[in-house]
Amino acid sequence: MKAFMTYYWDVLRHNYVNFSGRATRKKYWLFVLFNFIVFFILSLILSFFGDVGNVLYFLCMLAVVLPSLGILVRRLHDINFSGWWVLISLVPFIGSLILLVFLVLPSTEGANRFGN
């Protein structure tokens, strides 16, 4: 439960639209994992409510788009890449693979141009 509070809830609460700074590989991937778990459970619960559940699910997903983009940009900053590299995912198939490779790279040691 402490990991959920540290790696998911704190990102949503304190870094909702923060695109500056750095996010470690562990912080990014645990956010992605908890996001997947939360939305899987949410989809199971809201599936009983029909169309209203679909609307609520869409609104919840919409609420998490900016924090997800923010932590993605901070993860790219952690490996000393500009946040604009997110746009490479718009290139069909190969762009997403390149971005995935970037996301699994180890962090830059020490300070870089985006912070400590």
Protein backbone atom coordinates (compact mmCIF):
# COMPACT_ATOMS: atom_id res chain seq x y z
CA MET A 1 0.00 0.00 0.00
CA LYS A 2 2.90 2.33 0.71
CA ALA A 3 4.25 1.79 -2.82
CA PHE A 4 0.85 2.71 -4.24
CA MET A 5 0.82 5.92 -2.23
CA THR A 6 4.40 6.78 -3.16
CA TYR A 7 4.47 5.90 -6.83
CA TYR A 8 0.89 6.49 -7.94
CA TRP A 9 -1.06 8.74 -5.63
CA ASP A 10 1.80 11.24 -5.12
CA VAL A 11 2.20 11.59 -8.89
CA LEU A 12 -1.50 12.32 -9.23
CA ARG A 13 -1.55 14.69 -6.26
CA HIS A 14 1.74 16.58 -6.38
CA ASN A 15 2.84 16.30 -10.01
CA TYR A 16 -0.48 16.42 -11.85
CA VAL A 17 0.76 18.55 -14.75
CA ASN A 18 4.44 18.79 -13.88
CA PHE A 19 6.55 18.49 -17.02
CA SER A 20 9.82 19.62 -15.45
CA GLY A 21 12.29 17.60 -13.46
CA ARG A 22 13.09 13.93 -13.60
CA ALA A 23 11.35 10.63 -12.85
CA THR A 24 13.33 7.46 -12.31
CA ARG A 25 12.71 4.28 -14.22
CA LYS A 26 11.23 2.66 -11.12
CA LYS A 27 8.86 5.57 -10.48
CA TYR A 28 7.68 5.59 -14.09
CA TRP A 29 7.08 1.85 -14.43
CA LEU A 30 5.37 1.53 -11.04
CA PHE A 31 3.07 4.41 -12.03
CA VAL A 32 2.24 2.54 -15.24
CA LEU A 33 1.65 -0.72 -13.33
CA PHE A 34 -0.61 0.88 -10.72
CA ASN A 35 -2.44 2.80 -13.43
CA PHE A 36 -3.12 -0.48 -15.25
CA ILE A 37 -4.32 -2.17 -12.04
CA VAL A 38 -6.56 0.74 -11.04
CA PHE A 39 -8.20 0.95 -14.44
CA PHE A 40 -8.61 -2.82 -14.69
CA ILE A 41 -10.45 -2.89 -11.36
CA LEU A 42 -12.39 0.23 -12.32
CA SER A 43 -13.48 -1.37 -15.59
CA LEU A 44 -14.70 -4.47 -13.75
CA ILE A 45 -16.73 -2.38 -11.31
CA LEU A 46 -18.13 0.05 -13.86
CA SER A 47 -19.07 -2.71 -16.33
CA PHE A 48 -22.16 -3.34 -14.20
CA PHE A 49 -23.47 0.19 -14.82
CA GLY A 50 -23.82 -0.02 -18.62
CA ASP A 51 -23.52 3.23 -20.55
CA VAL A 52 -23.18 5.34 -17.41
CA GLY A 53 -20.22 3.17 -16.40
CA ASN A 54 -18.62 3.70 -19.81
CA VAL A 55 -18.95 7.46 -19.45
CA LEU A 56 -17.47 7.38 -15.93
CA TYR A 57 -14.60 5.19 -17.13
CA PHE A 58 -13.88 7.60 -19.99
CA LEU A 59 -13.89 10.57 -17.59
CA CYS A 60 -11.47 8.80 -15.24
CA MET A 61 -9.16 8.01 -18.14
CA LEU A 62 -9.35 11.61 -19.27
CA ALA A 63 -8.37 12.74 -15.77
CA VAL A 64 -5.18 10.64 -15.87
CA VAL A 65 -3.98 11.69 -19.35
CA LEU A 66 -2.02 14.76 -18.19
CA PRO A 67 -0.27 13.06 -15.23
CA SER A 68 0.67 10.16 -17.51
CA LEU A 69 2.09 12.51 -20.10
CA GLY A 70 3.87 14.48 -17.38
CA ILE A 71 5.63 11.44 -15.90
CA LEU A 72 6.51 10.26 -19.41
CA VAL A 73 8.20 13.59 -20.14
CA ARG A 74 9.99 13.52 -16.76
CA ARG A 75 11.19 9.97 -17.53
CA LEU A 76 12.64 11.20 -20.83
CA HIS A 77 14.32 14.03 -18.93
CA ASP A 78 15.87 11.44 -16.62
CA ILE A 79 17.71 9.87 -19.57
CA ASN A 80 18.71 13.35 -20.79
CA PHE A 81 16.26 13.54 -23.71
CA SER A 82 13.87 16.36 -24.43
CA GLY A 83 10.19 15.79 -23.71
CA TRP A 84 9.49 16.43 -27.37
CA TRP A 85 10.70 12.86 -28.04
CA VAL A 86 7.19 11.80 -27.00
CA LEU A 87 6.11 12.79 -30.50
CA ILE A 88 8.15 9.93 -31.97
CA SER A 89 5.30 7.66 -30.92
CA LEU A 90 3.25 9.23 -33.73
CA VAL A 91 5.39 7.36 -36.25
CA PRO A 92 3.48 4.13 -36.90
CA PHE A 93 4.84 1.00 -35.20
CA ILE A 94 8.55 1.89 -35.10
CA GLY A 95 8.00 5.12 -33.16
CA SER A 96 6.38 3.33 -30.24
CA LEU A 97 9.18 0.76 -30.18
CA ILE A 98 11.82 3.49 -30.08
CA LEU A 99 9.98 5.23 -27.24
CA LEU A 100 9.75 1.93 -25.35
CA VAL A 101 13.51 1.45 -25.69
CA PHE A 102 14.04 4.98 -24.35
CA LEU A 103 11.80 4.23 -21.37
CA VAL A 104 13.75 1.14 -20.31
CA LEU A 105 17.17 2.83 -20.53
CA PRO A 106 18.91 3.43 -17.19
CA SER A 107 18.91 6.90 -15.67
CA THR A 108 21.65 9.42 -16.34
CA GLU A 109 24.09 9.37 -13.44
CA GLY A 110 24.27 12.60 -11.48
CA ALA A 111 22.91 15.90 -12.70
CA ASN A 112 21.94 16.55 -16.28
CA ARG A 113 20.40 19.54 -18.03
CA PHE A 114 16.99 18.74 -16.48
CA GLY A 115 18.04 18.58 -12.83
CA ASN A 116 19.42 16.17 -10.26
